[in-house]
Amino acid sequence: MTEHLETVMVKLLAPLIMLLAIAVIYFIFNRQQSLWSRVLASSHSLIAIVGILYAIIASSYTSPSSFAPHTAIFSNILVIACIFGFVAVLYFEGNKSIHLLLLPFLLCMAYIWHVGGKVITHNWV
C-alpha cells in the first residue's frame, strides 16, 4: 500500500464509519415499511459510501495532470447521494427525529467532497 493510499484511508475512515452507522440507523428505525422502502430510505448514506470508494479507486488511475472526468463522476455521485437524502425524508415513516442525522450526513458529504477531490487530483497542498 502506497503512502498516498494510506493517507486516503486514514482521512476517509471516519466519514465511512459515520455514513455506515447512519444507513443502519435509518434501516433499523423504519420497521413499518417493506424491505425496498427501507433500503430506499437508507440509501443516501450507501450512495455516499460508493462515492468514497470511487474516490479511492479513481485515485489509483489518475495522475495530477489527468483527473477531469473522474472529478465530474465523483461530484455526480455525491449530488445523487444528496438527492436521495431528501428522498429519505419522504420515504421514512419511523420516528421523525431520526432526520436530525441528515446534519452529520451533510457534514460528511462536504468533507468527502473536499477530501475526495484532493484524493482524485493528488493535490494535498
Protein backbone atom coordinates (compact mmCIF):
# COMPACT_ATOMS: atom_id res chain seq x y z
CA MET A 1 0.00 0.00 0.00
CA THR A 2 1.43 3.34 -1.00
CA GLU A 3 1.76 6.30 1.31
CA HIS A 4 -0.87 8.17 -0.71
CA LEU A 5 -3.38 5.35 -0.28
CA GLU A 6 -2.66 5.08 3.45
CA THR A 7 -3.31 8.81 3.84
CA VAL A 8 -6.55 8.45 1.90
CA MET A 9 -7.75 5.59 4.05
CA VAL A 10 -6.99 7.45 7.27
CA LYS A 11 -8.73 10.63 6.14
CA LEU A 12 -11.85 8.86 4.85
CA LEU A 13 -12.27 6.19 7.52
CA ALA A 14 -14.25 8.32 9.99
CA PRO A 15 -16.84 9.51 7.44
CA LEU A 16 -17.11 5.97 6.12
CA ILE A 17 -17.96 4.63 9.57
CA MET A 18 -20.34 7.52 10.27
CA LEU A 19 -22.20 7.06 6.99
CA LEU A 20 -22.48 3.34 7.56
CA ALA A 21 -23.95 3.99 11.01
CA ILE A 22 -26.46 6.47 9.56
CA ALA A 23 -27.55 3.94 6.93
CA VAL A 24 -28.02 1.23 9.55
CA ILE A 25 -29.99 3.56 11.83
CA TYR A 26 -32.30 4.63 9.00
CA PHE A 27 -32.81 0.99 8.04
CA ILE A 28 -33.49 -0.27 11.57
CA PHE A 29 -35.84 2.51 12.66
CA ASN A 30 -38.05 2.20 9.57
CA ARG A 31 -39.73 -1.07 10.51
CA GLN A 32 -43.21 -0.24 9.26
CA GLN A 33 -42.29 -0.38 5.59
CA SER A 34 -41.31 -3.05 3.12
CA LEU A 35 -37.70 -4.03 2.60
CA TRP A 36 -37.33 -1.97 -0.58
CA SER A 37 -38.73 1.16 1.06
CA ARG A 38 -36.36 0.69 3.97
CA VAL A 39 -33.42 0.35 1.60
CA LEU A 40 -34.57 3.42 -0.33
CA ALA A 41 -34.84 5.45 2.87
CA SER A 42 -31.33 4.48 3.94
CA SER A 43 -29.70 4.56 0.52
CA HIS A 44 -28.38 8.12 0.73
CA SER A 45 -25.58 7.07 3.04
CA LEU A 46 -24.82 4.00 0.98
CA ILE A 47 -24.51 6.09 -2.18
CA ALA A 48 -22.12 8.42 -0.34
CA ILE A 49 -20.07 5.37 0.63
CA VAL A 50 -19.95 4.48 -3.06
CA GLY A 51 -18.59 7.99 -3.63
CA ILE A 52 -15.83 7.38 -1.09
CA LEU A 53 -14.93 4.08 -2.70
CA TYR A 54 -14.97 5.68 -6.14
CA ALA A 55 -12.56 8.39 -4.98
CA ILE A 56 -10.21 5.78 -3.56
CA ILE A 57 -10.32 3.62 -6.68
CA ALA A 58 -10.10 6.57 -9.08
CA SER A 59 -7.05 7.91 -7.27
CA SER A 60 -5.07 4.88 -8.35
CA TYR A 61 -5.98 5.52 -12.00
CA THR A 62 -5.35 9.26 -12.08
CA SER A 63 -2.31 11.43 -12.11
CA PRO A 64 -2.01 15.09 -11.12
CA SER A 65 -2.49 16.05 -14.76
CA SER A 66 -5.35 13.74 -15.83
CA PHE A 67 -8.28 13.71 -13.46
CA ALA A 68 -11.10 15.78 -15.02
CA PRO A 69 -13.59 13.01 -15.87
CA HIS A 70 -13.12 11.36 -12.50
CA THR A 71 -13.86 14.51 -10.53
CA ALA A 72 -17.06 15.03 -12.52
CA ILE A 73 -18.22 11.47 -11.88
CA PHE A 74 -17.30 11.79 -8.20
CA SER A 75 -19.26 15.04 -7.87
CA ASN A 76 -22.26 13.49 -9.61
CA ILE A 77 -22.25 10.56 -7.20
CA LEU A 78 -22.30 12.96 -4.26
CA VAL A 79 -25.12 15.01 -5.81
CA ILE A 80 -27.14 11.82 -6.24
CA ALA A 81 -26.48 10.96 -2.59
CA CYS A 82 -27.79 14.38 -1.53
CA ILE A 83 -30.90 13.93 -3.67
CA PHE A 84 -31.52 10.57 -2.04
CA GLY A 85 -31.11 12.29 1.33
CA PHE A 86 -34.18 14.33 0.52
CA VAL A 87 -35.93 11.19 -0.73
CA ALA A 88 -35.21 9.64 2.67
CA VAL A 89 -37.24 12.40 4.29
CA LEU A 90 -40.20 11.45 2.10
CA TYR A 91 -39.98 7.67 2.44
CA PHE A 92 -39.03 7.32 6.09
CA GLU A 93 -42.05 6.53 8.25
CA GLY A 94 -40.39 5.95 11.61
CA ASN A 95 -39.50 8.45 14.31
CA LYS A 96 -39.02 11.78 12.54
CA SER A 97 -36.26 12.88 14.90
CA ILE A 98 -34.02 10.44 13.01
CA HIS A 99 -33.90 13.09 10.28
CA LEU A 100 -31.54 15.04 12.53
CA LEU A 101 -28.96 12.57 11.25
CA LEU A 102 -29.09 14.45 7.96
CA LEU A 103 -26.97 17.16 9.58
CA PRO A 104 -23.95 14.89 10.15
CA PHE A 105 -24.72 13.34 6.77
CA LEU A 106 -24.38 16.72 5.06
CA LEU A 107 -21.22 17.48 7.03
CA CYS A 108 -19.79 14.14 5.92
CA MET A 109 -20.76 14.94 2.36
CA ALA A 110 -18.93 18.27 2.48
CA TYR A 111 -15.88 16.61 3.98
CA ILE A 112 -15.97 13.77 1.45
CA TRP A 113 -16.30 16.23 -1.41
CA HIS A 114 -13.32 18.21 -0.14
CA VAL A 115 -11.04 15.29 0.70
CA GLY A 116 -12.26 13.10 -2.17
CA GLY A 117 -11.44 15.83 -4.65
CA LYS A 118 -7.96 16.04 -3.21
CA VAL A 119 -7.65 12.27 -3.37
CA ILE A 120 -8.55 12.13 -7.05
CA THR A 121 -6.41 15.10 -8.06
CA HIS A 122 -3.46 14.12 -5.83
CA ASN A 123 -3.38 17.71 -4.57
CA TRP A 124 -2.71 17.64 -0.82
CA VAL A 125 -1.30 21.16 -0.59
